[in-house]
């Protein structure tokens, strides 16, 4: 345990977040996502739902502000603009830390390859379908 660090952030996850460079992406996925097959580096956070994990990561990870889009979410099949409750929760959590940054919906054909190219995938036990998000790391300015 560390002061000021959310205990959801495991040693492996903290190390991964710290090792990521500017522009690297990390995917946080639900319990049904094929994480083992899609991850270059898989970090399992079994027993944790998506939003507490997203909140913990957003509390320490700077989001890229050089590109217009740095936060992405999965969609419900081909319904790009449909918002399930999990998507509303993702958007609310991201706005808490990055109020000006849009949460961009990506169809599966665009979302899955991006996850496979991500620096790491964090697999949660989120039971809600399409509870998947990608974050692009930014910098901390001097």
Protein backbone atom coordinates (compact mmCIF):
# COMPACT_ATOMS: atom_id res chain seq x y z
CA UNK A 1 0.00 0.00 0.00
CA UNK A 2 1.14 3.50 -0.79
CA UNK A 3 -0.11 6.89 0.32
CA UNK A 4 -2.23 8.59 -2.30
CA UNK A 5 -2.14 5.61 -4.68
CA UNK A 6 -5.39 3.78 -5.31
CA UNK A 7 -4.95 0.19 -4.05
CA UNK A 8 -6.57 -1.12 -7.26
CA UNK A 9 -3.28 -0.19 -8.95
CA UNK A 10 -1.32 -3.40 -8.51
CA UNK A 11 2.50 -3.39 -8.59
CA UNK A 12 2.43 -4.87 -12.11
CA UNK A 13 -0.04 -2.27 -13.35
CA UNK A 14 1.87 0.64 -11.76
CA UNK A 15 5.08 -0.59 -13.35
CA UNK A 16 3.40 -0.86 -16.74
CA UNK A 17 1.87 2.62 -16.52
CA UNK A 18 5.23 4.06 -15.53
CA UNK A 19 7.04 2.23 -18.36
CA UNK A 20 4.64 3.46 -21.03
CA UNK A 21 5.88 6.31 -23.17
CA UNK A 22 4.08 9.28 -24.68
CA UNK A 23 1.63 8.04 -27.30
CA UNK A 24 1.48 4.48 -25.98
CA UNK A 25 -2.00 3.14 -25.41
CA UNK A 26 -3.48 0.93 -22.72
CA UNK A 27 -6.78 -0.93 -23.05
CA UNK A 28 -9.03 -1.68 -20.09
CA UNK A 29 -11.46 -4.43 -21.00
CA UNK A 30 -14.44 -6.30 -19.59
CA UNK A 31 -14.53 -9.87 -18.32
CA UNK A 32 -15.77 -11.27 -21.65
CA UNK A 33 -13.07 -9.67 -23.79
CA UNK A 34 -10.53 -12.09 -25.37
CA UNK A 35 -7.65 -10.49 -23.47
CA UNK A 36 -5.28 -13.44 -23.61
CA UNK A 37 -5.46 -13.52 -27.40
CA UNK A 38 -5.37 -9.76 -28.01
CA UNK A 39 -2.79 -8.57 -25.48
CA UNK A 40 0.90 -7.97 -26.03
CA UNK A 41 1.07 -7.66 -22.23
CA UNK A 42 -1.92 -8.84 -20.19
CA UNK A 43 -2.55 -7.58 -16.66
CA UNK A 44 -5.43 -9.34 -14.91
CA UNK A 45 -7.40 -7.50 -12.25
CA UNK A 46 -9.90 -10.23 -11.48
CA UNK A 47 -12.60 -9.24 -9.04
CA UNK A 48 -12.57 -5.58 -10.06
CA UNK A 49 -15.20 -3.88 -12.22
CA UNK A 50 -14.24 -1.60 -15.09
CA UNK A 51 -15.06 1.81 -13.62
CA UNK A 52 -13.00 1.49 -10.40
CA UNK A 53 -10.04 0.34 -12.52
CA UNK A 54 -10.53 3.14 -15.05
CA UNK A 55 -10.82 5.66 -12.21
CA UNK A 56 -7.61 4.38 -10.58
CA UNK A 57 -5.67 4.51 -13.86
CA UNK A 58 -6.99 7.96 -14.78
CA UNK A 59 -5.88 9.22 -11.35
CA UNK A 60 -2.23 8.71 -12.29
CA UNK A 61 -2.03 8.53 -16.11
CA UNK A 62 -1.64 11.75 -18.10
CA UNK A 63 -3.83 11.69 -21.22
CA UNK A 64 -2.34 12.84 -24.52
CA UNK A 65 -3.31 16.43 -25.26
CA UNK A 66 -1.36 16.75 -28.50
CA UNK A 67 -3.83 14.71 -30.55
CA UNK A 68 -7.55 15.51 -30.90
CA UNK A 69 -8.62 12.01 -29.80
CA UNK A 70 -6.94 10.08 -26.98
CA UNK A 71 -9.78 8.22 -25.23
CA UNK A 72 -11.77 5.55 -27.07
CA UNK A 73 -14.61 3.22 -26.14
CA UNK A 74 -16.13 0.13 -27.67
CA UNK A 75 -19.53 0.33 -29.35
CA UNK A 76 -22.59 -1.88 -29.18
CA UNK A 77 -22.04 -3.93 -32.33
CA UNK A 78 -22.32 -1.56 -35.31
CA UNK A 79 -24.33 1.05 -33.40
CA UNK A 80 -21.62 3.71 -33.16
CA UNK A 81 -23.61 6.25 -31.16
CA UNK A 82 -25.59 3.92 -28.90
CA UNK A 83 -24.81 4.52 -25.24
CA UNK A 84 -25.25 1.60 -22.89
CA UNK A 85 -25.07 2.38 -19.16
CA UNK A 86 -21.44 1.20 -19.10
CA UNK A 87 -20.57 3.79 -21.78
CA UNK A 88 -22.24 6.55 -19.77
CA UNK A 89 -20.16 5.47 -16.77
CA UNK A 90 -16.96 5.47 -18.86
CA UNK A 91 -17.70 8.97 -20.14
CA UNK A 92 -18.48 10.28 -16.63
CA UNK A 93 -15.28 8.80 -15.20
CA UNK A 94 -13.12 10.22 -18.00
CA UNK A 95 -14.73 13.67 -17.72
CA UNK A 96 -13.81 13.73 -14.03
CA UNK A 97 -10.13 13.79 -15.02
CA UNK A 98 -10.20 15.12 -18.60
CA UNK A 99 -13.31 17.30 -19.01
CA UNK A 100 -12.30 18.63 -22.44
CA UNK A 101 -11.26 15.28 -23.93
CA UNK A 102 -13.95 13.47 -25.96
CA UNK A 103 -14.57 9.76 -25.48
CA UNK A 104 -14.60 8.53 -29.07
CA UNK A 105 -16.69 5.48 -30.03
CA UNK A 106 -14.84 2.94 -32.18
CA UNK A 107 -16.59 0.14 -34.05
CA UNK A 108 -15.20 -3.34 -33.47
CA UNK A 109 -13.30 -3.34 -36.78
CA UNK A 110 -11.32 -0.33 -35.53
CA UNK A 111 -11.35 -1.11 -31.81
CA UNK A 112 -9.93 -4.65 -31.83
CA UNK A 113 -6.78 -3.89 -33.88
CA UNK A 114 -6.09 -0.91 -31.65
CA UNK A 115 -6.29 -3.12 -28.55
CA UNK A 116 -3.93 -5.64 -30.16
CA UNK A 117 -1.43 -2.84 -30.84
CA UNK A 118 -1.73 -1.40 -27.31
CA UNK A 119 1.22 -1.42 -24.95
CA UNK A 120 -0.87 -3.45 -22.48
CA UNK A 121 -4.36 -4.77 -21.83
CA UNK A 122 -5.92 -4.70 -18.37
CA UNK A 123 -8.56 -7.43 -18.02
CA UNK A 124 -11.23 -6.65 -15.42
CA UNK A 125 -14.16 -8.74 -14.24
CA UNK A 126 -16.66 -6.19 -15.59
CA UNK A 127 -19.82 -8.18 -16.43
CA UNK A 128 -21.40 -5.54 -18.69
CA UNK A 129 -20.88 -6.12 -22.40
CA UNK A 130 -18.89 -3.57 -24.43
CA UNK A 131 -17.26 -2.22 -21.27
CA UNK A 132 -13.96 -1.55 -22.99
CA UNK A 133 -11.88 1.61 -23.19
CA UNK A 134 -8.49 2.65 -24.60
CA UNK A 135 -6.36 5.47 -23.16
CA UNK A 136 -3.46 7.16 -24.95
CA UNK A 137 -0.72 8.33 -22.58
CA UNK A 138 0.43 11.92 -22.66
CA UNK A 139 3.17 13.79 -20.84
CA UNK A 140 3.53 15.62 -17.56
CA UNK A 141 4.84 19.09 -18.34
CA UNK A 142 7.70 20.58 -16.30
